[in-house]
Amino acid sequence: MQLSDGETFDAWTFNGKYPDPELRIQKGELVEVTLINKDIEAGVTIHWHGYNVPNAMDGVAGMTQDAVQGGTIYLS
């Protein structure tokens, strides 16, 4: 990634954006999220703030769900 002052740094991004994109959803709206872990071998999860989701989908690897390993897709 490159900052406006020209400084560069390594970063994990969502859809190539940093900071990650904000999701705006209306109350009662159904949302389906697809997590594709292309290359983070240690695995990744998504932790939701402000949304009441089932515990098994709340992204605490090793506690509420397994991490999504590199090269795999997870639908929540």
Protein backbone atom coordinates (compact mmCIF):
# COMPACT_ATOMS: atom_id res chain seq x y z
CA MET A 1 0.00 0.00 0.00
CA GLN A 2 1.08 3.57 -0.55
CA LEU A 3 0.15 6.56 1.60
CA SER A 4 -0.49 10.02 0.18
CA ASP A 5 3.00 11.11 1.32
CA GLY A 6 4.54 8.32 -0.78
CA GLU A 7 5.44 6.01 2.12
CA THR A 8 4.71 2.35 1.34
CA PHE A 9 3.91 -0.56 3.65
CA ASP A 10 2.61 -4.13 3.53
CA ALA A 11 -1.05 -4.57 4.49
CA TRP A 12 -3.85 -7.10 4.33
CA THR A 13 -6.78 -5.60 2.46
CA PHE A 14 -10.41 -6.36 1.73
CA ASN A 15 -11.26 -6.01 -1.96
CA GLY A 16 -7.90 -4.25 -2.37
CA LYS A 17 -8.96 -1.35 -0.13
CA TYR A 18 -7.30 0.09 2.97
CA PRO A 19 -8.85 0.83 5.32
CA ASP A 20 -11.33 -1.93 4.63
CA PRO A 21 -14.68 -0.94 3.16
CA GLU A 22 -17.53 0.03 5.46
CA LEU A 23 -20.69 -2.04 5.12
CA ARG A 24 -23.93 -0.06 5.48
CA ILE A 25 -27.01 -2.20 5.94
CA GLN A 26 -30.59 -1.27 6.76
CA LYS A 27 -32.27 -2.90 9.75
CA GLY A 28 -33.94 -6.15 8.67
CA GLU A 29 -31.89 -6.45 5.49
CA LEU A 30 -30.43 -9.91 4.76
CA VAL A 31 -26.68 -9.87 4.12
CA GLU A 32 -24.50 -12.64 2.73
CA VAL A 33 -20.74 -12.26 3.03
CA THR A 34 -18.18 -14.35 1.16
CA LEU A 35 -14.72 -14.57 2.70
CA ILE A 36 -12.05 -15.72 0.25
CA ASN A 37 -8.64 -16.26 1.82
CA LYS A 38 -6.30 -16.26 -1.16
CA ASP A 39 -2.95 -16.41 0.56
CA ILE A 40 -2.86 -15.89 4.33
CA GLU A 41 -1.61 -19.30 5.38
CA ALA A 42 -2.14 -18.66 9.11
CA GLY A 43 -5.87 -18.34 8.39
CA VAL A 44 -8.34 -15.48 8.80
CA THR A 45 -11.80 -14.80 10.22
CA ILE A 46 -14.28 -11.92 10.22
CA HIS A 47 -15.33 -10.47 13.58
CA TRP A 48 -18.51 -8.42 13.52
CA HIS A 49 -18.96 -5.26 15.56
CA GLY A 50 -22.47 -3.94 16.08
CA TYR A 51 -24.26 -6.90 14.48
CA ASN A 52 -25.96 -9.73 16.30
CA VAL A 53 -24.74 -12.82 14.46
CA PRO A 54 -24.70 -16.46 15.56
CA ASN A 55 -21.71 -17.17 17.80
CA ALA A 56 -20.36 -19.74 15.32
CA MET A 57 -20.03 -16.94 12.70
CA ASP A 58 -18.36 -14.32 14.88
CA GLY A 59 -14.75 -14.85 13.89
CA VAL A 60 -12.89 -15.85 17.02
CA ALA A 61 -10.58 -18.51 15.58
CA GLY A 62 -10.12 -21.50 17.84
CA MET A 63 -13.09 -20.53 20.03
CA THR A 64 -16.25 -19.94 17.99
CA GLN A 65 -15.05 -21.12 14.59
CA ASP A 66 -12.01 -22.41 12.75
CA ALA A 67 -9.89 -19.93 10.81
CA VAL A 68 -10.41 -19.95 7.03
CA GLN A 69 -7.17 -21.33 5.67
CA GLY A 70 -5.37 -19.94 2.61
CA GLY A 71 -6.96 -20.92 -0.68
CA THR A 72 -10.44 -21.52 0.76
CA ILE A 73 -13.84 -19.80 0.69
CA TYR A 74 -16.24 -19.38 3.61
CA LEU A 75 -19.83 -18.14 3.35
CA SER A 76 -21.55 -16.57 6.33
